[in-house]
Every structure is written in structure tokens, then in C-alpha cells.
PDB file of N, CA and C in Angstrom:
ATOM      1  N   MET A   1       7.620  18.478  -8.873  1.00  0.00           N
ATOM      2  CA  MET A   1       6.388  18.471 -10.138  1.00  0.00           C
ATOM      3  C   MET A   1       5.760  19.351 -10.006  1.00  0.00           C
ATOM      4  N   VAL A   2       4.670  20.440 -11.073  1.00  0.00           N
ATOM      5  CA  VAL A   2       3.688  20.921 -10.624  1.00  0.00           C
ATOM      6  C   VAL A   2       2.340  20.903 -10.208  1.00  0.00           C
ATOM      7  N   ILE A   3       2.085  20.833  -9.488  1.00  0.00           N
ATOM      8  CA  ILE A   3       0.139  20.133  -9.441  1.00  0.00           C
ATOM      9  C   ILE A   3      -0.783  21.625  -9.385  1.00  0.00           C
ATOM     10  N   PRO A   4      -1.355  21.316 -10.441  1.00  0.00           N
ATOM     11  CA  PRO A   4      -2.219  22.510 -10.992  1.00  0.00           C
ATOM     12  C   PRO A   4      -3.792  22.313 -10.061  1.00  0.00           C
ATOM     13  N   GLY A   5      -4.186  23.149 -10.137  1.00  0.00           N
ATOM     14  CA  GLY A   5      -5.366  23.388  -9.162  1.00  0.00           C
ATOM     15  C   GLY A   5      -5.074  23.409  -7.954  1.00  0.00           C
ATOM     16  N   ILE A   6      -3.686  23.578  -7.060  1.00  0.00           N
ATOM     17  CA  ILE A   6      -3.603  23.766  -5.953  1.00  0.00           C
ATOM     18  C   ILE A   6      -4.196  24.585  -4.925  1.00  0.00           C
ATOM     19  N   ALA A   7      -4.578  25.691  -5.635  1.00  0.00           N
ATOM     20  CA  ALA A   7      -5.722  26.847  -4.422  1.00  0.00           C
ATOM     21  C   ALA A   7      -7.157  25.897  -4.788  1.00  0.00           C
ATOM     22  N   GLU A   8      -7.464  25.141  -5.795  1.00  0.00           N
ATOM     23  CA  GLU A   8      -8.285  24.487  -4.842  1.00  0.00           C
ATOM     24  C   GLU A   8      -8.476  23.298  -4.061  1.00  0.00           C
ATOM     25  N   PHE A   9      -7.432  22.545  -3.564  1.00  0.00           N
ATOM     26  CA  PHE A   9      -7.250  22.257  -2.937  1.00  0.00           C
ATOM     27  C   PHE A   9      -7.017  22.494  -1.744  1.00  0.00           C
ATOM     28  N   ALA A  10      -6.331  23.640  -1.535  1.00  0.00           N
ATOM     29  CA  ALA A  10      -6.637  24.191  -0.336  1.00  0.00           C
ATOM     30  C   ALA A  10      -7.748  24.830  -0.202  1.00  0.00           C
ATOM     31  N   ARG A  11      -8.802  24.628  -0.741  1.00  0.00           N
ATOM     32  CA  ARG A  11     -10.012  24.990  -0.452  1.00  0.00           C
ATOM     33  C   ARG A  11     -10.663  23.652   0.063  1.00  0.00           C
ATOM     34  N   GLY A  12     -10.088  22.718  -0.168  1.00  0.00           N
ATOM     35  CA  GLY A  12     -11.068  21.592   0.476  1.00  0.00           C
ATOM     36  C   GLY A  12     -11.392  20.499  -0.890  1.00  0.00           C
ATOM     37  N   GLY A  13     -10.875  21.060  -2.128  1.00  0.00           N
ATOM     38  CA  GLY A  13     -11.144  19.934  -3.380  1.00  0.00           C
ATOM     39  C   GLY A  13     -10.052  19.043  -3.882  1.00  0.00           C
ATOM     40  N   VAL A  14      -9.966  18.398  -4.592  1.00  0.00           N
ATOM     41  CA  VAL A  14      -8.923  17.502  -5.058  1.00  0.00           C
ATOM     42  C   VAL A  14      -8.450  18.526  -6.335  1.00  0.00           C
ATOM     43  N   PRO A  15      -6.603  18.569  -6.212  1.00  0.00           N
ATOM     44  CA  PRO A  15      -6.028  19.017  -7.261  1.00  0.00           C
ATOM     45  C   PRO A  15      -6.424  18.387  -8.324  1.00  0.00           C
ATOM     46  N   ALA A  16      -6.266  19.200  -9.589  1.00  0.00           N
ATOM     47  CA  ALA A  16      -6.286  18.786 -11.217  1.00  0.00           C
ATOM     48  C   ALA A  16      -5.280  17.681 -11.191  1.00  0.00           C
ATOM     49  N   PRO A  17      -5.315  16.958 -12.162  1.00  0.00           N
ATOM     50  CA  PRO A  17      -4.105  16.015 -12.272  1.00  0.00           C
ATOM     51  C   PRO A  17      -3.220  17.076 -13.770  1.00  0.00           C
ATOM     52  N   PRO A  18      -1.636  16.455 -13.652  1.00  0.00           N
ATOM     53  CA  PRO A  18      -1.182  17.232 -14.238  1.00  0.00           C
ATOM     54  C   PRO A  18      -1.660  16.780 -16.108  1.00  0.00           C
ATOM     55  N   THR A  19      -1.264  17.940 -16.568  1.00  0.00           N
ATOM     56  CA  THR A  19      -1.850  17.761 -18.256  1.00  0.00           C
ATOM     57  C   THR A  19      -0.338  17.942 -18.964  1.00  0.00           C
ATOM     58  N   THR A  20      -0.281  17.622 -20.214  1.00  0.00           N
ATOM     59  CA  THR A  20       0.855  17.679 -21.158  1.00  0.00           C
ATOM     60  C   THR A  20       0.870  18.994 -21.349  1.00  0.00           C
ATOM     61  N   ASP A  21       2.705  19.628 -21.161  1.00  0.00           N
ATOM     62  CA  ASP A  21       2.761  20.423 -21.275  1.00  0.00           C
ATOM     63  C   ASP A  21       2.388  21.601 -20.119  1.00  0.00           C
ATOM     64  N   ASP A  22       2.427  21.515 -18.979  1.00  0.00           N
ATOM     65  CA  ASP A  22       2.267  22.172 -17.925  1.00  0.00           C
ATOM     66  C   ASP A  22       2.791  22.584 -17.313  1.00  0.00           C
ATOM     67  N   GLY A  23       4.228  22.455 -17.593  1.00  0.00           N
ATOM     68  CA  GLY A  23       5.506  22.718 -16.731  1.00  0.00           C
ATOM     69  C   GLY A  23       5.711  21.508 -16.014  1.00  0.00           C
ATOM     70  N   ASN A  24       5.325  20.340 -16.023  1.00  0.00           N
ATOM     71  CA  ASN A  24       6.213  19.167 -15.765  1.00  0.00           C
ATOM     72  C   ASN A  24       7.415  18.903 -16.400  1.00  0.00           C
ATOM     73  N   GLN A  25       7.998  17.663 -16.348  1.00  0.00           N
ATOM     74  CA  GLN A  25       8.784  17.049 -17.286  1.00  0.00           C
ATOM     75  C   GLN A  25       8.630  16.313 -17.954  1.00  0.00           C
ATOM     76  N   TRP A  26       7.649  16.517 -18.864  1.00  0.00           N
ATOM     77  CA  TRP A  26       6.744  15.368 -20.046  1.00  0.00           C
ATOM     78  C   TRP A  26       7.758  14.998 -20.694  1.00  0.00           C
ATOM     79  N   VAL A  27       7.891  14.158 -21.553  1.00  0.00           N
ATOM     80  CA  VAL A  27       9.142  13.513 -22.807  1.00  0.00           C
ATOM     81  C   VAL A  27       7.832  12.748 -23.317  1.00  0.00           C
ATOM     82  N   ASP A  28       8.715  12.544 -24.721  1.00  0.00           N
ATOM     83  CA  ASP A  28       8.106  11.421 -25.769  1.00  0.00           C
ATOM     84  C   ASP A  28       8.480  10.220 -25.163  1.00  0.00           C
ATOM     85  N   GLY A  29       7.490   9.296 -25.050  1.00  0.00           N
ATOM     86  CA  GLY A  29       8.195   7.817 -25.042  1.00  0.00           C
ATOM     87  C   GLY A  29       7.012   6.878 -25.419  1.00  0.00           C
ATOM     88  N   PHE A  30       6.759   5.689 -24.338  1.00  0.00           N
ATOM     89  CA  PHE A  30       5.910   4.336 -23.847  1.00  0.00           C
ATOM     90  C   PHE A  30       5.419   5.142 -22.730  1.00  0.00           C
ATOM     91  N   CYS A  31       3.681   4.759 -23.006  1.00  0.00           N
ATOM     92  CA  CYS A  31       2.720   4.746 -21.979  1.00  0.00           C
ATOM     93  C   CYS A  31       3.617   3.175 -21.453  1.00  0.00           C
ATOM     94  N   TRP A  32       3.612   2.974 -19.678  1.00  0.00           N
ATOM     95  CA  TRP A  32       4.143   2.031 -19.402  1.00  0.00           C
ATOM     96  C   TRP A  32       2.589   1.129 -18.403  1.00  0.00           C
ATOM     97  N   LEU A  33       0.908   1.738 -19.129  1.00  0.00           N
ATOM     98  CA  LEU A  33      -0.070   1.524 -18.360  1.00  0.00           C
ATOM     99  C   LEU A  33      -0.700   0.760 -19.221  1.00  0.00           C
ATOM    100  N   TYR A  34      -0.396   0.201 -20.207  1.00  0.00           N
ATOM    101  CA  TYR A  34      -1.378  -0.741 -21.274  1.00  0.00           C
ATOM    102  C   TYR A  34      -2.137   0.059 -22.165  1.00  0.00           C
ATOM    103  N   CYS A  35      -2.007   1.387 -22.587  1.00  0.00           N
ATOM    104  CA  CYS A  35      -2.815   2.013 -23.056  1.00  0.00           C
ATOM    105  C   CYS A  35      -2.849   2.007 -24.870  1.00  0.00           C
ATOM    106  N   GLY A  36      -1.757   1.337 -24.858  1.00  0.00           N
ATOM    107  CA  GLY A  36      -1.360   0.822 -26.467  1.00  0.00           C
ATOM    108  C   GLY A  36      -1.047   2.246 -27.391  1.00  0.00           C
ATOM    109  N   GLN A  37      -0.467   3.131 -26.633  1.00  0.00           N
ATOM    110  CA  GLN A  37       0.216   4.045 -26.682  1.00  0.00           C
ATOM    111  C   GLN A  37       1.667   3.880 -27.114  1.00  0.00           C
ATOM    112  N   GLN A  38       1.930   4.162 -28.575  1.00  0.00           N
ATOM    113  CA  GLN A  38       3.596   3.471 -28.531  1.00  0.00           C
ATOM    114  C   GLN A  38       4.529   4.565 -28.311  1.00  0.00           C
ATOM    115  N   TRP A  39       4.046   5.828 -28.998  1.00  0.00           N
ATOM    116  CA  TRP A  39       4.600   6.787 -28.821  1.00  0.00           C
ATOM    117  C   TRP A  39       3.931   8.240 -28.689  1.00  0.00           C
ATOM    118  N   THR A  40       4.235   9.058 -27.260  1.00  0.00           N
ATOM    119  CA  THR A  40       3.232  10.147 -26.950  1.00  0.00           C
ATOM    120  C   THR A  40       4.357  10.490 -26.050  1.00  0.00           C
ATOM    121  N   ARG A  41       3.368  11.844 -25.143  1.00  0.00           N
ATOM    122  CA  ARG A  41       3.510  12.246 -24.586  1.00  0.00           C
ATOM    123  C   ARG A  41       3.615  12.068 -22.834  1.00  0.00           C
ATOM    124  N   VAL A  42       4.813  11.313 -22.244  1.00  0.00           N
ATOM    125  CA  VAL A  42       4.263  10.922 -20.853  1.00  0.00           C
ATOM    126  C   VAL A  42       4.815  11.295 -19.981  1.00  0.00           C
ATOM    127  N   LEU A  43       4.612  11.254 -18.553  1.00  0.00           N
ATOM    128  CA  LEU A  43       5.305  11.758 -17.148  1.00  0.00           C
ATOM    129  C   LEU A  43       5.898  10.632 -16.490  1.00  0.00           C
ATOM    130  N   TRP A  44       6.630  10.897 -15.931  1.00  0.00           N
ATOM    131  CA  TRP A  44       7.485   9.661 -15.002  1.00  0.00           C
ATOM    132  C   TRP A  44       6.045   9.723 -13.962  1.00  0.00           C
ATOM    133  N   ILE A  45       6.248   8.712 -13.407  1.00  0.00           N
ATOM    134  CA  ILE A  45       5.266   8.355 -12.071  1.00  0.00           C
ATOM    135  C   ILE A  45       6.130   7.728 -11.238  1.00  0.00           C
ATOM    136  N   GLY A  46       7.051   7.273 -11.236  1.00  0.00           N
ATOM    137  CA  GLY A  46       7.941   6.773 -10.369  1.00  0.00           C
ATOM    138  C   GLY A  46       8.793   5.391 -10.939  1.00  0.00           C
ATOM    139  N   PRO A  47       9.240   4.772  -9.614  1.00  0.00           N
ATOM    140  CA  PRO A  47      10.427   3.409 -10.319  1.00  0.00           C
ATOM    141  C   PRO A  47       9.062   2.159  -9.791  1.00  0.00           C
ATOM    142  N   ALA A  48       9.826   1.426 -11.574  1.00  0.00           N
ATOM    143  CA  ALA A  48       8.524  -0.128 -11.095  1.00  0.00           C
ATOM    144  C   ALA A  48       9.522  -0.732 -10.338  1.00  0.00           C
ATOM    145  N   SER A  49       9.408  -2.051  -9.680  1.00  0.00           N
ATOM    146  CA  SER A  49      10.208  -2.577  -9.057  1.00  0.00           C
ATOM    147  C   SER A  49       9.986  -4.011  -9.724  1.00  0.00           C
ATOM    148  N   VAL A  50      10.608  -4.893  -9.787  1.00  0.00           N
ATOM    149  CA  VAL A  50      10.645  -6.449  -9.968  1.00  0.00           C
ATOM    150  C   VAL A  50      11.694  -7.457  -9.613  1.00  0.00           C
ATOM    151  N   ALA A  51      11.202  -8.330  -9.163  1.00  0.00           N
ATOM    152  CA  ALA A  51      12.339  -9.256  -8.792  1.00  0.00           C
ATOM    153  C   ALA A  51      13.796  -8.974  -8.733  1.00  0.00           C
ATOM    154  N   GLY A  52      14.295  -7.808  -8.011  1.00  0.00           N
ATOM    155  CA  GLY A  52      15.751  -6.741  -7.762  1.00  0.00           C
ATOM    156  C   GLY A  52      15.998  -5.815  -8.794  1.00  0.00           C
ATOM    157  N   ALA A  53      15.205  -5.687 -10.077  1.00  0.00           N
ATOM    158  CA  ALA A  53      15.348  -4.831 -11.196  1.00  0.00           C
ATOM    159  C   ALA A  53      14.574  -3.360 -10.982  1.00  0.00           C
ATOM    160  N   GLN A  54      14.745  -2.819 -11.155  1.00  0.00           N
ATOM    161  CA  GLN A  54      14.214  -1.457 -11.362  1.00  0.00           C
ATOM    162  C   GLN A  54      14.323  -0.455 -12.569  1.00  0.00           C
ATOM    163  N   ALA A  55      13.005  -0.478 -12.701  1.00  0.00           N
ATOM    164  CA  ALA A  55      13.048   0.908 -13.974  1.00  0.00           C
ATOM    165  C   ALA A  55      12.407   2.049 -13.869  1.00  0.00           C
ATOM    166  N   ASP A  56      12.449   3.220 -14.388  1.00  0.00           N
ATOM    167  CA  ASP A  56      11.675   4.907 -14.444  1.00  0.00           C
ATOM    168  C   ASP A  56      10.283   4.048 -14.929  1.00  0.00           C
ATOM    169  N   MET A  57       9.041   4.299 -14.575  1.00  0.00           N
ATOM    170  CA  MET A  57       7.835   4.344 -15.486  1.00  0.00           C
ATOM    171  C   MET A  57       7.148   5.511 -15.785  1.00  0.00           C
ATOM    172  N   TYR A  58       6.925   5.530 -16.958  1.00  0.00           N
ATOM    173  CA  TYR A  58       6.240   6.652 -17.611  1.00  0.00           C
ATOM    174  C   TYR A  58       4.623   5.985 -17.410  1.00  0.00           C
ATOM    175  N   ALA A  59       3.707   7.390 -17.991  1.00  0.00           N
ATOM    176  CA  ALA A  59       2.386   7.275 -18.073  1.00  0.00           C
ATOM    177  C   ALA A  59       1.567   8.367 -18.968  1.00  0.00           C
ATOM    178  N   CYS A  60       0.886   8.458 -19.784  1.00  0.00           N
ATOM    179  CA  CYS A  60       0.226   9.333 -20.714  1.00  0.00           C
ATOM    180  C   CYS A  60      -0.430  10.099 -19.956  1.00  0.00           C
ATOM    181  N   GLU A  61      -0.803  10.871 -20.516  1.00  0.00           N
ATOM    182  CA  GLU A  61      -2.523  12.027 -20.132  1.00  0.00           C
ATOM    183  C   GLU A  61      -3.343  11.285 -19.526  1.00  0.00           C
ATOM    184  N   PRO A  62      -4.120  10.561 -20.091  1.00  0.00           N
ATOM    185  CA  PRO A  62      -5.238   9.988 -19.621  1.00  0.00           C
ATOM    186  C   PRO A  62      -5.293   9.152 -18.642  1.00  0.00           C
ATOM    187  N   TYR A  63      -3.721   7.913 -18.315  1.00  0.00           N
ATOM    188  CA  TYR A  63      -3.676   7.347 -17.557  1.00  0.00           C
ATOM    189  C   TYR A  63      -3.344   8.185 -16.386  1.00  0.00           C
ATOM    190  N   ILE A  64      -2.704   8.896 -16.415  1.00  0.00           N
ATOM    191  CA  ILE A  64      -2.345  10.188 -15.025  1.00  0.00           C
ATOM    192  C   ILE A  64      -3.595  10.235 -14.635  1.00  0.00           C
ATOM    193  N   ARG A  65      -4.561  10.901 -15.131  1.00  0.00           N
ATOM    194  CA  ARG A  65      -5.626  11.492 -14.813  1.00  0.00           C
ATOM    195  C   ARG A  65      -6.503  10.182 -13.778  1.00  0.00           C
ATOM    196  N   GLU A  66      -6.515   8.941 -14.718  1.00  0.00           N
ATOM    197  CA  GLU A  66      -7.164   8.195 -13.728  1.00  0.00           C
ATOM    198  C   GLU A  66      -6.579   7.517 -12.808  1.00  0.00           C
ATOM    199  N   LEU A  67      -5.054   7.501 -12.144  1.00  0.00           N
ATOM    200  CA  LEU A  67      -4.310   6.957 -11.667  1.00  0.00           C
ATOM    201  C   LEU A  67      -4.905   8.409 -10.688  1.00  0.00           C
ATOM    202  N   GLN A  68      -5.088   9.765 -10.728  1.00  0.00           N
ATOM    203  CA  GLN A  68      -4.988  10.720  -9.763  1.00  0.00           C
ATOM    204  C   GLN A  68      -6.369  10.286  -9.295  1.00  0.00           C
ATOM    205  N   GLU A  69      -7.637  10.104  -9.972  1.00  0.00           N
ATOM    206  CA  GLU A  69      -9.041   9.890  -9.654  1.00  0.00           C
ATOM    207  C   GLU A  69      -8.750   8.752  -8.641  1.00  0.00           C
ATOM    208  N   ARG A  70      -7.782   7.594  -8.665  1.00  0.00           N
ATOM    209  CA  ARG A  70      -8.240   6.516  -7.789  1.00  0.00           C
ATOM    210  C   ARG A  70      -7.620   6.587  -6.877  1.00  0.00           C
ATOM    211  N   VAL A  71      -6.299   7.322  -6.652  1.00  0.00           N
ATOM    212  CA  VAL A  71      -5.391   7.674  -5.644  1.00  0.00           C
ATOM    213  C   VAL A  71      -6.526   8.730  -4.576  1.00  0.00           C
ATOM    214  N   TRP A  72      -6.585   9.803  -4.913  1.00  0.00           N
ATOM    215  CA  TRP A  72      -7.929  10.758  -4.274  1.00  0.00           C
ATOM    216  C   TRP A  72      -8.673   9.759  -3.894  1.00  0.00           C
ATOM    217  N   HIS A  73      -9.269   8.885  -4.801  1.00  0.00           N
ATOM    218  CA  HIS A  73     -10.662   8.582  -4.100  1.00  0.00           C
ATOM    219  C   HIS A  73     -10.455   7.201  -2.786  1.00  0.00           C
ATOM    220  N   SER A  74      -9.325   6.696  -3.256  1.00  0.00           N
ATOM    221  CA  SER A  74      -8.297   5.919  -2.273  1.00  0.00           C
ATOM    222  C   SER A  74      -8.353   6.759  -0.501  1.00  0.00           C
ATOM    223  N   ILE A  75      -7.412   8.169  -0.958  1.00  0.00           N
ATOM    224  CA  ILE A  75      -7.069   8.805   0.182  1.00  0.00           C
ATOM    225  C   ILE A  75      -8.668   9.397   1.071  1.00  0.00           C
ATOM    226  N   LEU A  76      -9.446   9.648   0.151  1.00  0.00           N
ATOM    227  CA  LEU A  76     -10.764  10.197   0.848  1.00  0.00           C
ATOM    228  C   LEU A  76     -11.739   9.271   1.409  1.00  0.00           C
ATOM    229  N   LEU A  77     -11.400   8.350   1.337  1.00  0.00           N
ATOM    230  CA  LEU A  77     -12.574   7.208   2.092  1.00  0.00           C
ATOM    231  C   LEU A  77     -11.261   6.318   2.901  1.00  0.00           C
ATOM    232  N   LYS A  78      -9.940   6.505   2.722  1.00  0.00           N
ATOM    233  CA  LYS A  78      -9.118   5.989   3.623  1.00  0.00           C
ATOM    234  C   LYS A  78      -9.230   4.462   3.356  1.00  0.00           C
ATOM    235  N   ASP A  79      -9.375   4.150   2.609  1.00  0.00           N
ATOM    236  CA  ASP A  79      -9.300   2.894   1.913  1.00  0.00           C
ATOM    237  C   ASP A  79      -8.966   1.652   3.110  1.00  0.00           C
ATOM    238  N   GLU A  80      -9.661   1.087   3.943  1.00  0.00           N
ATOM    239  CA  GLU A  80      -9.564   0.477   4.934  1.00  0.00           C
ATOM    240  C   GLU A  80     -10.509  -0.472   5.126  1.00  0.00           C
ATOM    241  N   PRO A  81      -9.891  -1.807   5.679  1.00  0.00           N
ATOM    242  CA  PRO A  81     -10.639  -2.771   5.124  1.00  0.00           C
ATOM    243  C   PRO A  81     -11.811  -2.817   5.657  1.00  0.00           C
ATOM    244  N   SER A  82     -12.951  -3.939   4.929  1.00  0.00           N
ATOM    245  CA  SER A  82     -14.209  -3.375   5.767  1.00  0.00           C
ATOM    246  C   SER A  82     -14.152  -4.037   7.502  1.00  0.00           C
ATOM    247  N   ARG A  83     -13.378  -5.106   7.557  1.00  0.00           N
ATOM    248  CA  ARG A  83     -13.662  -5.277   9.129  1.00  0.00           C
ATOM    249  C   ARG A  83     -12.547  -5.189   9.674  1.00  0.00           C
ATOM    250  N   PRO A  84     -12.081  -5.171  11.014  1.00  0.00           N
ATOM    251  CA  PRO A  84     -10.885  -4.779  11.571  1.00  0.00           C
ATOM    252  C   PRO A  84     -10.002  -6.072  11.373  1.00  0.00           C
ATOM    253  N   VAL A  85      -8.737  -6.005  11.696  1.00  0.00           N
ATOM    254  CA  VAL A  85      -8.391  -7.347  11.762  1.00  0.00           C
ATOM    255  C   VAL A  85      -7.596  -7.412  13.383  1.00  0.00           C
ATOM    256  N   LEU A  86      -8.521  -8.348  13.726  1.00  0.00           N
ATOM    257  CA  LEU A  86      -7.853  -8.811  15.171  1.00  0.00           C
ATOM    258  C   LEU A  86      -6.797  -9.599  15.430  1.00  0.00           C
ATOM    259  N   PRO A  87      -6.129  -9.385  16.168  1.00  0.00           N
ATOM    260  CA  PRO A  87      -4.863 -10.178  16.404  1.00  0.00           C
ATOM    261  C   PRO A  87      -5.269 -11.704  16.781  1.00  0.00           C
ATOM    262  N   ALA A  88      -4.351 -12.344  16.380  1.00  0.00           N
ATOM    263  CA  ALA A  88      -4.433 -13.952  16.845  1.00  0.00           C
ATOM    264  C   ALA A  88      -4.412 -14.044  17.865  1.00  0.00           C
ATOM    265  N   SER A  89      -5.841 -14.992  18.437  1.00  0.00           N
ATOM    266  CA  SER A  89      -5.971 -15.223  20.656  1.00  0.00           C
ATOM    267  C   SER A  89      -4.943 -16.234  20.751  1.00  0.00           C
ATOM    268  N   ARG A  90      -4.359 -16.127  21.644  1.00  0.00           N
ATOM    269  CA  ARG A  90      -3.508 -17.043  22.338  1.00  0.00           C
ATOM    270  C   ARG A  90      -4.417 -17.524  23.223  1.00  0.00           C
ATOM    271  N   ALA A  91      -3.883 -19.285  24.030  1.00  0.00           N
ATOM    272  CA  ALA A  91      -4.308 -19.516  25.168  1.00  0.00           C
ATOM    273  C   ALA A  91      -3.929 -18.932  26.069  1.00  0.00           C
ATOM    274  N   PRO A  92      -4.660 -18.848  27.117  1.00  0.00           N
ATOM    275  CA  PRO A  92      -4.580 -17.596  28.766  1.00  0.00           C
ATOM    276  C   PRO A  92      -3.195 -18.607  29.268  1.00  0.00           C
ATOM    277  N   GLU A  93      -2.014 -17.709  30.027  1.00  0.00           N
ATOM    278  CA  GLU A  93      -1.294 -18.369  30.588  1.00  0.00           C
ATOM    279  C   GLU A  93      -1.641 -18.716  31.787  1.00  0.00           C
ATOM    280  N   PRO A  94      -1.420 -19.672  32.316  1.00  0.00           N
ATOM    281  CA  PRO A  94      -1.546 -20.580  33.550  1.00  0.00           C
ATOM    282  C   PRO A  94      -1.166 -19.948  34.665  1.00  0.00           C
ATOM    283  N   GLU A  95      -1.479 -19.493  35.798  1.00  0.00           N
ATOM    284  CA  GLU A  95      -1.550 -18.536  37.120  1.00  0.00           C
ATOM    285  C   GLU A  95       0.117 -19.326  37.517  1.00  0.00           C
ATOM    286  N   SER A  96       0.431 -18.313  38.067  1.00  0.00           N
ATOM    287  CA  SER A  96       2.079 -19.010  38.812  1.00  0.00           C
ATOM    288  C   SER A  96       1.627 -19.451  39.950  1.00  0.00           C
ATOM    289  N   GLY A  97       1.853 -20.949  40.041  1.00  0.00           N
ATOM    290  CA  GLY A  97       1.619 -21.686  41.302  1.00  0.00           C
ATOM    291  C   GLY A  97       0.435 -22.263  41.179  1.00  0.00           C
ATOM    292  N   ALA A  98      -0.331 -22.026  39.828  1.00  0.00           N
ATOM    293  CA  ALA A  98      -2.051 -23.292  40.174  1.00  0.00           C
ATOM    294  C   ALA A  98      -1.449 -24.351  39.265  1.00  0.00           C
ATOM    295  N   ARG A  99      -2.216 -24.979  39.766  1.00  0.00           N
ATOM    296  CA  ARG A  99      -2.176 -26.608  39.664  1.00  0.00           C
ATOM    297  C   ARG A  99      -2.522 -26.708  37.978  1.00  0.00           C
ATOM    298  N   ARG A 100      -1.879 -27.817  37.247  1.00  0.00           N
ATOM    299  CA  ARG A 100      -1.580 -27.829  36.209  1.00  0.00           C
ATOM    300  C   ARG A 100      -3.080 -28.991  36.161  1.00  0.00           C
ATOM    301  N   VAL A 101      -3.787 -29.010  35.129  1.00  0.00           N
ATOM    302  CA  VAL A 101      -4.860 -30.049  35.361  1.00  0.00           C
ATOM    303  C   VAL A 101      -4.423 -30.597  33.697  1.00  0.00           C
ATOM    304  N   GLY A 102      -4.296 -32.126  33.981  1.00  0.00           N
ATOM    305  CA  GLY A 102      -4.560 -32.742  32.415  1.00  0.00           C
ATOM    306  C   GLY A 102      -4.343 -33.775  32.314  1.00  0.00           C
ATOM    307  N   ARG A 103      -3.819 -34.759  31.564  1.00  0.00           N
ATOM    308  CA  ARG A 103      -3.911 -36.104  31.458  1.00  0.00           C
ATOM    309  C   ARG A 103      -2.571 -36.968  32.125  1.00  0.00           C
ATOM    310  N   HIS A 104      -1.681 -35.730  32.000  1.00  0.00           N
ATOM    311  CA  HIS A 104       0.050 -36.248  32.003  1.00  0.00           C
ATOM    312  C   HIS A 104       0.368 -36.208  33.468  1.00  0.00           C
ATOM    313  N   ARG A 105       1.260 -36.936  34.213  1.00  0.00           N
ATOM    314  CA  ARG A 105       1.194 -36.631  35.850  1.00  0.00           C
ATOM    315  C   ARG A 105       2.727 -36.223  35.759  1.00  0.00           C
ATOM    316  N   ARG A 106       2.614 -35.521  36.762  1.00  0.00           N
ATOM    317  CA  ARG A 106       4.625 -35.055  36.785  1.00  0.00           C
ATOM    318  C   ARG A 106       5.338 -35.648  37.277  1.00  0.00           C
ATOM    319  N   TYR A 107       6.401 -36.263  36.972  1.00  0.00           N
ATOM    320  CA  TYR A 107       7.307 -37.039  37.507  1.00  0.00           C
ATOM    321  C   TYR A 107       7.760 -36.640  38.925  1.00  0.00           C
ATOM    322  N   ASP A 108       7.504 -37.703  39.693  1.00  0.00           N
ATOM    323  CA  ASP A 108       7.637 -37.393  41.469  1.00  0.00           C
ATOM    324  C   ASP A 108       9.848 -38.142  41.056  1.00  0.00           C
ATOM    325  N   TRP A 109      10.321 -37.293  41.635  1.00  0.00           N
ATOM    326  CA  TRP A 109      12.002 -37.814  41.695  1.00  0.00           C
ATOM    327  C   TRP A 109      11.841 -38.242  42.933  1.00  0.00           C
ATOM    328  N   GLN A 110      11.208 -38.250  44.512  1.00  0.00           N
ATOM    329  CA  GLN A 110      11.345 -38.919  45.224  1.00  0.00           C
ATOM    330  C   GLN A 110      10.916 -40.410  44.931  1.00  0.00           C
ATOM    331  N   LEU A 111      10.047 -40.427  44.181  1.00  0.00           N
ATOM    332  CA  LEU A 111      10.137 -42.144  43.930  1.00  0.00           C
ATOM    333  C   LEU A 111      11.202 -42.941  43.184  1.00  0.00           C
ATOM    334  N   SER A 112      11.732 -42.185  42.641  1.00  0.00           N
ATOM    335  CA  SER A 112      12.693 -42.700  41.571  1.00  0.00           C
ATOM    336  C   SER A 112      13.893 -43.320  42.489  1.00  0.00           C
ATOM    337  N   ARG A 113      13.956 -42.507  43.288  1.00  0.00           N
ATOM    338  CA  ARG A 113      15.557 -42.882  44.270  1.00  0.00           C
ATOM    339  C   ARG A 113      15.107 -43.386  45.036  1.00  0.00           C
ATOM    340  N   ARG A 114      14.000 -44.481  45.557  1.00  0.00           N
ATOM    341  CA  ARG A 114      13.868 -45.738  46.349  1.00  0.00           C
ATOM    342  C   ARG A 114      14.422 -46.511  45.827  1.00  0.00           C
TER     343      ARG A 114
END
């Protein structure tokens, strides 16, 4: 894929999204991103997978611009959860040799042999 605006990206900017007939492999087809365009210039954006099946997914220029904006927005914000996810807490392990305290008594094998 040709990335227009790579020089801008090298200077710290965001690269421009692909545009129709910019050197990428645009084809005539259907946009998969619900814009309603039945037959337009589209660019392959990756595979779509559902229930064990996979198909090529294509998008029109306006939707590719929107996707590009969302992806870079996510990358630049690092798209992290607002709160850190803490590991599930576990009850502390009793120290070895420590006497257990509880309602149940340990069975005394000495008493059962009498």
C-alpha cells in the first residue's frame, strides 16, 4: 500500500489517508462499511472473519478516511482503559507450620486406634 504524506509522518504528523487512484490497488466494487454505495472505487482493508469463515473486506474513500482518523486517534491517545485492571485478589496462604484456626478440628488418628 502506498502511504501518501509519509514525509509529514516522519516530521511527527499523521500520514494522509489513501485516495482513489493514488497508486494503491483500488478496484470497482461494494463498500462493506454500510455507506450504501453499491458500486464505487474501493480498497481492500483486510479480511473479515465470522464463525470460521473469512472474506476480503473493502471500503470506499470516505470510509477509509474515517477509519484512518479513528485508528490514529486511538494510537495517539494510546487507547487505554480509564482505570488500571487489577489482578484478582487471593486469600493469603497460611505460613507452613502455622496452626490453622477454624470451626473444624483435625482428626486425631491416635484416638481412633484405642
